[in-house]
Amino acid sequence: MVELQEIQSPEEYNEMMEHSTGKSVLLFKHSTTCPISAAAFEQYNNYLDSADENVDAYLIKVIENREVSNHVEADTNVKHESPQIFLIKNKEVTWHTSHSKITEDAIAKEL
């Protein structure tokens, strides 16, 4: 099981990116008012429940932390969507997808 950490500032996002040089990072952008996002978040959590410790897991609540969400888009050059998931290694996005394509199996395949 991997512990999920919430990012609430651009500085915490930058720290997460630094951590990606030593360990792969999964970052989930979540809209807390969207049922599609809720379903994708459940898939993300299902993956994390069975994941080993070779990955760190993060969450950004996009409505509550719009500044951080915008910072991710600017830093990665990946257009904002919600829900959205990123796999980051060595400060680079190596995979991302959104909406119903976020599944436990899709995440496992990428890792």
PDB file of N, CA and C in Angstrom:
ATOM      1  N   MET A   1       0.843  -1.184   0.000  1.00  0.00           N
ATOM      2  CA  MET A   1       0.000   0.000   0.000  1.00  0.00           C
ATOM      3  C   MET A   1       0.886   1.245   0.000  1.00  0.00           C
ATOM      4  N   VAL A   2       0.532   2.199  -0.837  1.00  0.00           N
ATOM      5  CA  VAL A   2       1.272   3.441  -0.957  1.00  0.00           C
ATOM      6  C   VAL A   2       0.447   4.567  -0.346  1.00  0.00           C
ATOM      7  N   GLU A   3       1.097   5.410   0.453  1.00  0.00           N
ATOM      8  CA  GLU A   3       0.411   6.534   1.091  1.00  0.00           C
ATOM      9  C   GLU A   3       0.216   7.671   0.097  1.00  0.00           C
ATOM     10  N   LEU A   4      -0.975   8.219   0.063  1.00  0.00           N
ATOM     11  CA  LEU A   4      -1.326   9.323  -0.827  1.00  0.00           C
ATOM     12  C   LEU A   4      -1.061  10.644  -0.114  1.00  0.00           C
ATOM     13  N   GLN A   5      -0.320  11.532  -0.790  1.00  0.00           N
ATOM     14  CA  GLN A   5       0.023  12.837  -0.231  1.00  0.00           C
ATOM     15  C   GLN A   5      -0.643  13.932  -1.058  1.00  0.00           C
ATOM     16  N   GLU A   6      -1.301  14.880  -0.377  1.00  0.00           N
ATOM     17  CA  GLU A   6      -1.966  15.967  -1.085  1.00  0.00           C
ATOM     18  C   GLU A   6      -1.006  17.139  -1.281  1.00  0.00           C
ATOM     19  N   ILE A   7      -1.016  17.694  -2.476  1.00  0.00           N
ATOM     20  CA  ILE A   7      -0.203  18.874  -2.803  1.00  0.00           C
ATOM     21  C   ILE A   7      -1.112  20.091  -2.758  1.00  0.00           C
ATOM     22  N   GLN A   8      -0.686  21.101  -1.990  1.00  0.00           N
ATOM     23  CA  GLN A   8      -1.521  22.285  -1.819  1.00  0.00           C
ATOM     24  C   GLN A   8      -0.811  23.587  -2.176  1.00  0.00           C
ATOM     25  N   SER A   9       0.410  23.494  -2.691  1.00  0.00           N
ATOM     26  CA  SER A   9       1.124  24.712  -3.071  1.00  0.00           C
ATOM     27  C   SER A   9       2.083  24.404  -4.217  1.00  0.00           C
ATOM     28  N   PRO A  10       2.446  25.414  -4.997  1.00  0.00           N
ATOM     29  CA  PRO A  10       3.446  25.205  -6.049  1.00  0.00           C
ATOM     30  C   PRO A  10       4.777  24.707  -5.478  1.00  0.00           C
ATOM     31  N   GLU A  11       5.107  25.127  -4.269  1.00  0.00           N
ATOM     32  CA  GLU A  11       6.357  24.675  -3.647  1.00  0.00           C
ATOM     33  C   GLU A  11       6.317  23.174  -3.361  1.00  0.00           C
ATOM     34  N   GLU A  12       5.174  22.681  -2.879  1.00  0.00           N
ATOM     35  CA  GLU A  12       5.039  21.235  -2.646  1.00  0.00           C
ATOM     36  C   GLU A  12       5.101  20.469  -3.960  1.00  0.00           C
ATOM     37  N   TYR A  13       4.530  21.038  -5.013  1.00  0.00           N
ATOM     38  CA  TYR A  13       4.629  20.418  -6.343  1.00  0.00           C
ATOM     39  C   TYR A  13       6.087  20.329  -6.770  1.00  0.00           C
ATOM     40  N   ASN A  14       6.832  21.402  -6.591  1.00  0.00           N
ATOM     41  CA  ASN A  14       8.246  21.410  -6.971  1.00  0.00           C
ATOM     42  C   ASN A  14       9.038  20.370  -6.183  1.00  0.00           C
ATOM     43  N   GLU A  15       8.717  20.202  -4.895  1.00  0.00           N
ATOM     44  CA  GLU A  15       9.365  19.166  -4.080  1.00  0.00           C
ATOM     45  C   GLU A  15       9.042  17.777  -4.628  1.00  0.00           C
ATOM     46  N   MET A  16       7.786  17.571  -5.031  1.00  0.00           N
ATOM     47  CA  MET A  16       7.383  16.292  -5.616  1.00  0.00           C
ATOM     48  C   MET A  16       8.213  16.003  -6.866  1.00  0.00           C
ATOM     49  N   MET A  17       8.386  17.027  -7.706  1.00  0.00           N
ATOM     50  CA  MET A  17       9.184  16.849  -8.922  1.00  0.00           C
ATOM     51  C   MET A  17      10.618  16.458  -8.574  1.00  0.00           C
ATOM     52  N   GLU A  18      11.187  17.047  -7.548  1.00  0.00           N
ATOM     53  CA  GLU A  18      12.540  16.678  -7.106  1.00  0.00           C
ATOM     54  C   GLU A  18      12.576  15.218  -6.666  1.00  0.00           C
ATOM     55  N   HIS A  19      11.542  14.768  -5.968  1.00  0.00           N
ATOM     56  CA  HIS A  19      11.476  13.368  -5.512  1.00  0.00           C
ATOM     57  C   HIS A  19      11.426  12.398  -6.689  1.00  0.00           C
ATOM     58  N   SER A  20      10.934  12.858  -7.836  1.00  0.00           N
ATOM     59  CA  SER A  20      10.815  11.973  -8.995  1.00  0.00           C
ATOM     60  C   SER A  20      12.162  11.578  -9.580  1.00  0.00           C
ATOM     61  N   THR A  21      13.242  12.192  -9.110  1.00  0.00           N
ATOM     62  CA  THR A  21      14.571  11.794  -9.591  1.00  0.00           C
ATOM     63  C   THR A  21      15.036  10.506  -8.911  1.00  0.00           C
ATOM     64  N   GLY A  22      14.431  10.174  -7.768  1.00  0.00           N
ATOM     65  CA  GLY A  22      14.820   8.960  -7.070  1.00  0.00           C
ATOM     66  C   GLY A  22      13.789   7.855  -7.138  1.00  0.00           C
ATOM     67  N   LYS A  23      12.543   8.231  -7.400  1.00  0.00           N
ATOM     68  CA  LYS A  23      11.442   7.272  -7.376  1.00  0.00           C
ATOM     69  C   LYS A  23      10.362   7.763  -8.332  1.00  0.00           C
ATOM     70  N   SER A  24       9.722   6.857  -9.028  1.00  0.00           N
ATOM     71  CA  SER A  24       8.614   7.248  -9.903  1.00  0.00           C
ATOM     72  C   SER A  24       7.490   7.863  -9.073  1.00  0.00           C
ATOM     73  N   VAL A  25       6.773   8.804  -9.687  1.00  0.00           N
ATOM     74  CA  VAL A  25       5.710   9.534  -9.017  1.00  0.00           C
ATOM     75  C   VAL A  25       4.426   9.424  -9.836  1.00  0.00           C
ATOM     76  N   LEU A  26       3.326   9.136  -9.160  1.00  0.00           N
ATOM     77  CA  LEU A  26       1.990   9.231  -9.756  1.00  0.00           C
ATOM     78  C   LEU A  26       1.322  10.468  -9.183  1.00  0.00           C
ATOM     79  N   LEU A  27       0.801  11.307 -10.064  1.00  0.00           N
ATOM     80  CA  LEU A  27       0.105  12.524  -9.656  1.00  0.00           C
ATOM     81  C   LEU A  27      -1.301  12.497 -10.235  1.00  0.00           C
ATOM     82  N   PHE A  28      -2.282  12.639  -9.372  1.00  0.00           N
ATOM     83  CA  PHE A  28      -3.689  12.617  -9.783  1.00  0.00           C
ATOM     84  C   PHE A  28      -4.298  13.985  -9.558  1.00  0.00           C
ATOM     85  N   LYS A  29      -4.880  14.565 -10.608  1.00  0.00           N
ATOM     86  CA  LYS A  29      -5.617  15.825 -10.505  1.00  0.00           C
ATOM     87  C   LYS A  29      -7.104  15.478 -10.421  1.00  0.00           C
ATOM     88  N   HIS A  30      -7.724  15.889  -9.312  1.00  0.00           N
ATOM     89  CA  HIS A  30      -9.070  15.431  -8.953  1.00  0.00           C
ATOM     90  C   HIS A  30     -10.027  16.601  -8.790  1.00  0.00           C
ATOM     91  N   SER A  31     -11.180  16.520  -9.456  1.00  0.00           N
ATOM     92  CA  SER A  31     -12.268  17.459  -9.230  1.00  0.00           C
ATOM     93  C   SER A  31     -13.226  16.832  -8.234  1.00  0.00           C
ATOM     94  N   THR A  32     -13.320  17.433  -7.066  1.00  0.00           N
ATOM     95  CA  THR A  32     -14.115  16.851  -5.978  1.00  0.00           C
ATOM     96  C   THR A  32     -15.614  16.956  -6.205  1.00  0.00           C
ATOM     97  N   THR A  33     -16.052  17.630  -7.278  1.00  0.00           N
ATOM     98  CA  THR A  33     -17.485  17.758  -7.560  1.00  0.00           C
ATOM     99  C   THR A  33     -17.936  16.928  -8.767  1.00  0.00           C
ATOM    100  N   CYS A  34     -17.022  16.194  -9.371  1.00  0.00           N
ATOM    101  CA  CYS A  34     -17.314  15.497 -10.628  1.00  0.00           C
ATOM    102  C   CYS A  34     -17.426  13.987 -10.412  1.00  0.00           C
ATOM    103  N   PRO A  35     -18.531  13.367 -10.833  1.00  0.00           N
ATOM    104  CA  PRO A  35     -18.668  11.917 -10.666  1.00  0.00           C
ATOM    105  C   PRO A  35     -17.668  11.110 -11.508  1.00  0.00           C
ATOM    106  N   ILE A  36     -17.287  11.619 -12.660  1.00  0.00           N
ATOM    107  CA  ILE A  36     -16.273  10.929 -13.477  1.00  0.00           C
ATOM    108  C   ILE A  36     -14.943  10.931 -12.737  1.00  0.00           C
ATOM    109  N   SER A  37     -14.620  12.065 -12.129  1.00  0.00           N
ATOM    110  CA  SER A  37     -13.390  12.159 -11.352  1.00  0.00           C
ATOM    111  C   SER A  37     -13.442  11.235 -10.134  1.00  0.00           C
ATOM    112  N   ALA A  38     -14.590  11.141  -9.503  1.00  0.00           N
ATOM    113  CA  ALA A  38     -14.744  10.247  -8.347  1.00  0.00           C
ATOM    114  C   ALA A  38     -14.486   8.793  -8.745  1.00  0.00           C
ATOM    115  N   ALA A  39     -14.998   8.391  -9.900  1.00  0.00           N
ATOM    116  CA  ALA A  39     -14.784   7.014 -10.374  1.00  0.00           C
ATOM    117  C   ALA A  39     -13.310   6.777 -10.690  1.00  0.00           C
ATOM    118  N   ALA A  40     -12.663   7.745 -11.322  1.00  0.00           N
ATOM    119  CA  ALA A  40     -11.235   7.613 -11.640  1.00  0.00           C
ATOM    120  C   ALA A  40     -10.401   7.600 -10.363  1.00  0.00           C
ATOM    121  N   PHE A  41     -10.789   8.421  -9.384  1.00  0.00           N
ATOM    122  CA  PHE A  41     -10.077   8.465  -8.109  1.00  0.00           C
ATOM    123  C   PHE A  41     -10.187   7.127  -7.385  1.00  0.00           C
ATOM    124  N   GLU A  42     -11.336   6.479  -7.498  1.00  0.00           N
ATOM    125  CA  GLU A  42     -11.504   5.149  -6.911  1.00  0.00           C
ATOM    126  C   GLU A  42     -10.553   4.149  -7.576  1.00  0.00           C
ATOM    127  N   GLN A  43     -10.418   4.221  -8.897  1.00  0.00           N
ATOM    128  CA  GLN A  43      -9.482   3.346  -9.610  1.00  0.00           C
ATOM    129  C   GLN A  43      -8.038   3.600  -9.139  1.00  0.00           C
ATOM    130  N   TYR A  44      -7.682   4.877  -8.982  1.00  0.00           N
ATOM    131  CA  TYR A  44      -6.349   5.274  -8.503  1.00  0.00           C
ATOM    132  C   TYR A  44      -6.105   4.681  -7.114  1.00  0.00           C
ATOM    133  N   ASN A  45      -7.070   4.844  -6.220  1.00  0.00           N
ATOM    134  CA  ASN A  45      -6.917   4.304  -4.870  1.00  0.00           C
ATOM    135  C   ASN A  45      -6.849   2.786  -4.862  1.00  0.00           C
ATOM    136  N   ASN A  46      -7.616   2.133  -5.722  1.00  0.00           N
ATOM    137  CA  ASN A  46      -7.535   0.673  -5.826  1.00  0.00           C
ATOM    138  C   ASN A  46      -6.130   0.248  -6.225  1.00  0.00           C
ATOM    139  N   TYR A  47      -5.541   0.974  -7.172  1.00  0.00           N
ATOM    140  CA  TYR A  47      -4.164   0.659  -7.561  1.00  0.00           C
ATOM    141  C   TYR A  47      -3.222   0.849  -6.371  1.00  0.00           C
ATOM    142  N   LEU A  48      -3.348   1.981  -5.690  1.00  0.00           N
ATOM    143  CA  LEU A  48      -2.440   2.287  -4.571  1.00  0.00           C
ATOM    144  C   LEU A  48      -2.561   1.274  -3.448  1.00  0.00           C
ATOM    145  N   ASP A  49      -3.762   0.724  -3.223  1.00  0.00           N
ATOM    146  CA  ASP A  49      -3.956  -0.274  -2.173  1.00  0.00           C
ATOM    147  C   ASP A  49      -3.117  -1.521  -2.393  1.00  0.00           C
ATOM    148  N   SER A  50      -2.849  -1.853  -3.648  1.00  0.00           N
ATOM    149  CA  SER A  50      -2.086  -3.066  -3.938  1.00  0.00           C
ATOM    150  C   SER A  50      -0.676  -2.770  -4.447  1.00  0.00           C
ATOM    151  N   ALA A  51      -0.324  -1.497  -4.573  1.00  0.00           N
ATOM    152  CA  ALA A  51       0.989  -1.139  -5.123  1.00  0.00           C
ATOM    153  C   ALA A  51       2.097  -1.395  -4.112  1.00  0.00           C
ATOM    154  N   ASP A  52       3.289  -1.666  -4.653  1.00  0.00           N
ATOM    155  CA  ASP A  52       4.434  -1.774  -3.760  1.00  0.00           C
ATOM    156  C   ASP A  52       5.044  -0.383  -3.586  1.00  0.00           C
ATOM    157  N   GLU A  53       6.120  -0.328  -2.860  1.00  0.00           N
ATOM    158  CA  GLU A  53       6.700   0.952  -2.467  1.00  0.00           C
ATOM    159  C   GLU A  53       7.613   1.569  -3.530  1.00  0.00           C
ATOM    160  N   ASN A  54       7.525   1.123  -4.781  1.00  0.00           N
ATOM    161  CA  ASN A  54       8.414   1.648  -5.818  1.00  0.00           C
ATOM    162  C   ASN A  54       7.886   2.929  -6.461  1.00  0.00           C
ATOM    163  N   VAL A  55       6.796   3.477  -5.908  1.00  0.00           N
ATOM    164  CA  VAL A  55       6.190   4.680  -6.470  1.00  0.00           C
ATOM    165  C   VAL A  55       5.662   5.557  -5.324  1.00  0.00           C
ATOM    166  N   ASP A  56       5.754   6.863  -5.496  1.00  0.00           N
ATOM    167  CA  ASP A  56       5.131   7.807  -4.576  1.00  0.00           C
ATOM    168  C   ASP A  56       3.843   8.304  -5.216  1.00  0.00           C
ATOM    169  N   ALA A  57       2.835   8.580  -4.408  1.00  0.00           N
ATOM    170  CA  ALA A  57       1.518   8.954  -4.921  1.00  0.00           C
ATOM    171  C   ALA A  57       1.097  10.307  -4.367  1.00  0.00           C
ATOM    172  N   TYR A  58       0.583  11.127  -5.276  1.00  0.00           N
ATOM    173  CA  TYR A  58       0.181  12.490  -4.921  1.00  0.00           C
ATOM    174  C   TYR A  58      -1.188  12.810  -5.501  1.00  0.00           C
ATOM    175  N   LEU A  59      -1.814  13.836  -4.914  1.00  0.00           N
ATOM    176  CA  LEU A  59      -3.146  14.274  -5.286  1.00  0.00           C
ATOM    177  C   LEU A  59      -3.191  15.794  -5.284  1.00  0.00           C
ATOM    178  N   ILE A  60      -3.821  16.361  -6.305  1.00  0.00           N
ATOM    179  CA  ILE A  60      -4.154  17.779  -6.312  1.00  0.00           C
ATOM    180  C   ILE A  60      -5.661  17.889  -6.499  1.00  0.00           C
ATOM    181  N   LYS A  61      -6.316  18.564  -5.574  1.00  0.00           N
ATOM    182  CA  LYS A  61      -7.746  18.863  -5.716  1.00  0.00           C
ATOM    183  C   LYS A  61      -7.833  20.160  -6.517  1.00  0.00           C
ATOM    184  N   VAL A  62      -8.290  20.052  -7.759  1.00  0.00           N
ATOM    185  CA  VAL A  62      -8.174  21.167  -8.705  1.00  0.00           C
ATOM    186  C   VAL A  62      -9.062  22.364  -8.375  1.00  0.00           C
ATOM    187  N   ILE A  63     -10.211  22.151  -7.783  1.00  0.00           N
ATOM    188  CA  ILE A  63     -11.083  23.279  -7.440  1.00  0.00           C
ATOM    189  C   ILE A  63     -10.514  24.023  -6.236  1.00  0.00           C
ATOM    190  N   GLU A  64     -10.106  23.275  -5.241  1.00  0.00           N
ATOM    191  CA  GLU A  64      -9.590  23.868  -4.013  1.00  0.00           C
ATOM    192  C   GLU A  64      -8.189  24.463  -4.199  1.00  0.00           C
ATOM    193  N   ASN A  65      -7.436  23.950  -5.161  1.00  0.00           N
ATOM    194  CA  ASN A  65      -6.045  24.382  -5.367  1.00  0.00           C
ATOM    195  C   ASN A  65      -5.793  24.717  -6.831  1.00  0.00           C
ATOM    196  N   ARG A  66      -6.595  25.630  -7.353  1.00  0.00           N
ATOM    197  CA  ARG A  66      -6.504  26.023  -8.769  1.00  0.00           C
ATOM    198  C   ARG A  66      -5.094  26.500  -9.132  1.00  0.00           C
ATOM    199  N   GLU A  67      -4.445  27.259  -8.241  1.00  0.00           N
ATOM    200  CA  GLU A  67      -3.098  27.771  -8.518  1.00  0.00           C
ATOM    201  C   GLU A  67      -2.118  26.623  -8.781  1.00  0.00           C
ATOM    202  N   VAL A  68      -2.208  25.583  -7.989  1.00  0.00           N
ATOM    203  CA  VAL A  68      -1.307  24.437  -8.156  1.00  0.00           C
ATOM    204  C   VAL A  68      -1.629  23.714  -9.462  1.00  0.00           C
ATOM    205  N   SER A  69      -2.898  23.528  -9.741  1.00  0.00           N
ATOM    206  CA  SER A  69      -3.311  22.877 -10.981  1.00  0.00           C
ATOM    207  C   SER A  69      -2.784  23.638 -12.200  1.00  0.00           C
ATOM    208  N   ASN A  70      -2.908  24.946 -12.175  1.00  0.00           N
ATOM    209  CA  ASN A  70      -2.386  25.766 -13.273  1.00  0.00           C
ATOM    210  C   ASN A  70      -0.868  25.665 -13.373  1.00  0.00           C
ATOM    211  N   HIS A  71      -0.205  25.566 -12.233  1.00  0.00           N
ATOM    212  CA  HIS A  71       1.255  25.433 -12.192  1.00  0.00           C
ATOM    213  C   HIS A  71       1.696  24.124 -12.871  1.00  0.00           C
ATOM    214  N   VAL A  72       0.954  23.052 -12.626  1.00  0.00           N
ATOM    215  CA  VAL A  72       1.258  21.760 -13.255  1.00  0.00           C
ATOM    216  C   VAL A  72       1.168  21.886 -14.771  1.00  0.00           C
ATOM    217  N   GLU A  73       0.101  22.506 -15.255  1.00  0.00           N
ATOM    218  CA  GLU A  73      -0.070  22.671 -16.698  1.00  0.00           C
ATOM    219  C   GLU A  73       1.086  23.473 -17.291  1.00  0.00           C
ATOM    220  N   ALA A  74       1.461  24.554 -16.649  1.00  0.00           N
ATOM    221  CA  ALA A  74       2.553  25.393 -17.157  1.00  0.00           C
ATOM    222  C   ALA A  74       3.890  24.656 -17.121  1.00  0.00           C
ATOM    223  N   ASP A  75       4.125  23.903 -16.053  1.00  0.00           N
ATOM    224  CA  ASP A  75       5.410  23.213 -15.898  1.00  0.00           C
ATOM    225  C   ASP A  75       5.557  22.021 -16.830  1.00  0.00           C
ATOM    226  N   THR A  76       4.472  21.287 -17.056  1.00  0.00           N
ATOM    227  CA  THR A  76       4.559  20.049 -17.847  1.00  0.00           C
ATOM    228  C   THR A  76       4.206  20.246 -19.319  1.00  0.00           C
ATOM    229  N   ASN A  77       3.582  21.367 -19.643  1.00  0.00           N
ATOM    230  CA  ASN A  77       3.068  21.610 -20.993  1.00  0.00           C
ATOM    231  C   ASN A  77       2.031  20.570 -21.407  1.00  0.00           C
ATOM    232  N   VAL A  78       1.322  20.020 -20.433  1.00  0.00           N
ATOM    233  CA  VAL A  78       0.232  19.086 -20.684  1.00  0.00           C
ATOM    234  C   VAL A  78      -1.064  19.826 -20.351  1.00  0.00           C
ATOM    235  N   LYS A  79      -1.946  19.929 -21.347  1.00  0.00           N
ATOM    236  CA  LYS A  79      -3.211  20.642 -21.182  1.00  0.00           C
ATOM    237  C   LYS A  79      -3.994  20.085 -20.000  1.00  0.00           C
ATOM    238  N   HIS A  80      -4.527  20.991 -19.183  1.00  0.00           N
ATOM    239  CA  HIS A  80      -5.305  20.597 -18.009  1.00  0.00           C
ATOM    240  C   HIS A  80      -6.572  19.843 -18.403  1.00  0.00           C
ATOM    241  N   GLU A  81      -6.788  18.741 -17.715  1.00  0.00           N
ATOM    242  CA  GLU A  81      -8.048  18.016 -17.757  1.00  0.00           C
ATOM    243  C   GLU A  81      -8.314  17.540 -16.342  1.00  0.00           C
ATOM    244  N   SER A  82      -9.529  17.172 -16.097  1.00  0.00           N
ATOM    245  CA  SER A  82      -9.864  16.664 -14.781  1.00  0.00           C
ATOM    246  C   SER A  82     -11.006  15.664 -14.931  1.00  0.00           C
ATOM    247  N   PRO A  83     -10.781  14.459 -14.438  1.00  0.00           N
ATOM    248  CA  PRO A  83      -9.596  13.966 -13.757  1.00  0.00           C
ATOM    249  C   PRO A  83      -8.452  13.720 -14.738  1.00  0.00           C
ATOM    250  N   GLN A  84      -7.264  13.697 -14.171  1.00  0.00           N
ATOM    251  CA  GLN A  84      -6.058  13.500 -14.985  1.00  0.00           C
ATOM    252  C   GLN A  84      -4.996  12.839 -14.117  1.00  0.00           C
ATOM    253  N   ILE A  85      -4.218  11.957 -14.730  1.00  0.00           N
ATOM    254  CA  ILE A  85      -3.144  11.294 -14.004  1.00  0.00           C
ATOM    255  C   ILE A  85      -1.854  11.410 -14.798  1.00  0.00           C
ATOM    256  N   PHE A  86      -0.760  11.546 -14.061  1.00  0.00           N
ATOM    257  CA  PHE A  86       0.576  11.662 -14.653  1.00  0.00           C
ATOM    258  C   PHE A  86       1.499  10.634 -14.007  1.00  0.00           C
ATOM    259  N   LEU A  87       2.372  10.032 -14.799  1.00  0.00           N
ATOM    260  CA  LEU A  87       3.502   9.271 -14.292  1.00  0.00           C
ATOM    261  C   LEU A  87       4.728  10.115 -14.575  1.00  0.00           C
ATOM    262  N   ILE A  88       5.494  10.411 -13.537  1.00  0.00           N
ATOM    263  CA  ILE A  88       6.640  11.313 -13.653  1.00  0.00           C
ATOM    264  C   ILE A  88       7.891  10.580 -13.192  1.00  0.00           C
ATOM    265  N   LYS A  89       8.928  10.648 -14.025  1.00  0.00           N
ATOM    266  CA  LYS A  89      10.234  10.074 -13.697  1.00  0.00           C
ATOM    267  C   LYS A  89      11.294  11.103 -14.070  1.00  0.00           C
ATOM    268  N   ASN A  90      12.222  11.338 -13.164  1.00  0.00           N
ATOM    269  CA  ASN A  90      13.314  12.279 -13.411  1.00  0.00           C
ATOM    270  C   ASN A  90      12.801  13.633 -13.900  1.00  0.00           C
ATOM    271  N   LYS A  91      11.746  14.120 -13.250  1.00  0.00           N
ATOM    272  CA  LYS A  91      11.142  15.434 -13.523  1.00  0.00           C
ATOM    273  C   LYS A  91      10.477  15.539 -14.890  1.00  0.00           C
ATOM    274  N   GLU A  92      10.228  14.403 -15.538  1.00  0.00           N
ATOM    275  CA  GLU A  92       9.593  14.390 -16.862  1.00  0.00           C
ATOM    276  C   GLU A  92       8.320  13.548 -16.824  1.00  0.00           C
ATOM    277  N   VAL A  93       7.270  14.043 -17.477  1.00  0.00           N
ATOM    278  CA  VAL A  93       6.043  13.268 -17.608  1.00  0.00           C
ATOM    279  C   VAL A  93       6.291  12.182 -18.654  1.00  0.00           C
ATOM    280  N   THR A  94       6.213  10.923 -18.221  1.00  0.00           N
ATOM    281  CA  THR A  94       6.445   9.810 -19.140  1.00  0.00           C
ATOM    282  C   THR A  94       5.135   9.202 -19.641  1.00  0.00           C
ATOM    283  N   TRP A  95       4.042   9.532 -18.961  1.00  0.00           N
ATOM    284  CA  TRP A  95       2.707   9.046 -19.360  1.00  0.00           C
ATOM    285  C   TRP A  95       1.669   9.908 -18.680  1.00  0.00           C
ATOM    286  N   HIS A  96       0.577  10.157 -19.372  1.00  0.00           N
ATOM    287  CA  HIS A  96      -0.567  10.820 -18.753  1.00  0.00           C
ATOM    288  C   HIS A  96      -1.821  10.410 -19.517  1.00  0.00           C
ATOM    289  N   THR A  97      -2.928  10.461 -18.811  1.00  0.00           N
ATOM    290  CA  THR A  97      -4.224  10.193 -19.426  1.00  0.00           C
ATOM    291  C   THR A  97      -5.295  10.842 -18.561  1.00  0.00           C
ATOM    292  N   SER A  98      -6.533  10.751 -19.031  1.00  0.00           N
ATOM    293  CA  SER A  98      -7.600  11.421 -18.295  1.00  0.00           C
ATOM    294  C   SER A  98      -8.920  10.659 -18.394  1.00  0.00           C
ATOM    295  N   HIS A  99      -9.854  11.130 -17.614  1.00  0.00           N
ATOM    296  CA  HIS A  99     -11.231  10.664 -17.597  1.00  0.00           C
ATOM    297  C   HIS A  99     -11.339   9.144 -17.451  1.00  0.00           C
ATOM    298  N   SER A 100     -12.149   8.500 -18.248  1.00  0.00           N
ATOM    299  CA  SER A 100     -12.417   7.068 -18.069  1.00  0.00           C
ATOM    300  C   SER A 100     -11.238   6.181 -18.466  1.00  0.00           C
ATOM    301  N   LYS A 101     -10.192   6.774 -19.029  1.00  0.00           N
ATOM    302  CA  LYS A 101      -8.994   5.987 -19.342  1.00  0.00           C
ATOM    303  C   LYS A 101      -8.129   5.749 -18.108  1.00  0.00           C
ATOM    304  N   ILE A 102      -8.488   6.401 -17.007  1.00  0.00           N
ATOM    305  CA  ILE A 102      -7.771   6.184 -15.744  1.00  0.00           C
ATOM    306  C   ILE A 102      -8.362   4.955 -15.080  1.00  0.00           C
ATOM    307  N   THR A 103      -7.656   3.845 -15.193  1.00  0.00           N
ATOM    308  CA  THR A 103      -8.096   2.593 -14.580  1.00  0.00           C
ATOM    309  C   THR A 103      -6.934   1.974 -13.823  1.00  0.00           C
ATOM    310  N   GLU A 104      -7.283   1.116 -12.898  1.00  0.00           N
ATOM    311  CA  GLU A 104      -6.271   0.377 -12.134  1.00  0.00           C
ATOM    312  C   GLU A 104      -5.327  -0.377 -13.079  1.00  0.00           C
ATOM    313  N   ASP A 105      -5.889  -1.023 -14.099  1.00  0.00           N
ATOM    314  CA  ASP A 105      -5.077  -1.780 -15.050  1.00  0.00           C
ATOM    315  C   ASP A 105      -4.176  -0.880 -15.889  1.00  0.00           C
ATOM    316  N   ALA A 106      -4.688   0.285 -16.312  1.00  0.00           N
ATOM    317  CA  ALA A 106      -3.867   1.199 -17.113  1.00  0.00           C
ATOM    318  C   ALA A 106      -2.681   1.705 -16.311  1.00  0.00           C
ATOM    319  N   ILE A 107      -2.899   2.016 -15.052  1.00  0.00           N
ATOM    320  CA  ILE A 107      -1.811   2.486 -14.198  1.00  0.00           C
ATOM    321  C   ILE A 107      -0.780   1.382 -14.019  1.00  0.00           C
ATOM    322  N   ALA A 108      -1.246   0.176 -13.706  1.00  0.00           N
ATOM    323  CA  ALA A 108      -0.328  -0.947 -13.511  1.00  0.00           C
ATOM    324  C   ALA A 108       0.496  -1.219 -14.759  1.00  0.00           C
ATOM    325  N   LYS A 109      -0.123  -1.110 -15.921  1.00  0.00           N
ATOM    326  CA  LYS A 109       0.579  -1.349 -17.187  1.00  0.00           C
ATOM    327  C   LYS A 109       1.715  -0.347 -17.373  1.00  0.00           C
ATOM    328  N   GLU A 110       1.487   0.909 -17.029  1.00  0.00           N
ATOM    329  CA  GLU A 110       2.504   1.941 -17.213  1.00  0.00           C
ATOM    330  C   GLU A 110       3.658   1.828 -16.232  1.00  0.00           C
ATOM    331  N   LEU A 111       3.378   1.255 -15.081  1.00  0.00           N
ATOM    332  CA  LEU A 111       4.433   1.081 -14.076  1.00  0.00           C
ATOM    333  C   LEU A 111       5.101  -0.256 -14.242  1.00  0.00           C
TER     334      LEU A 111
END
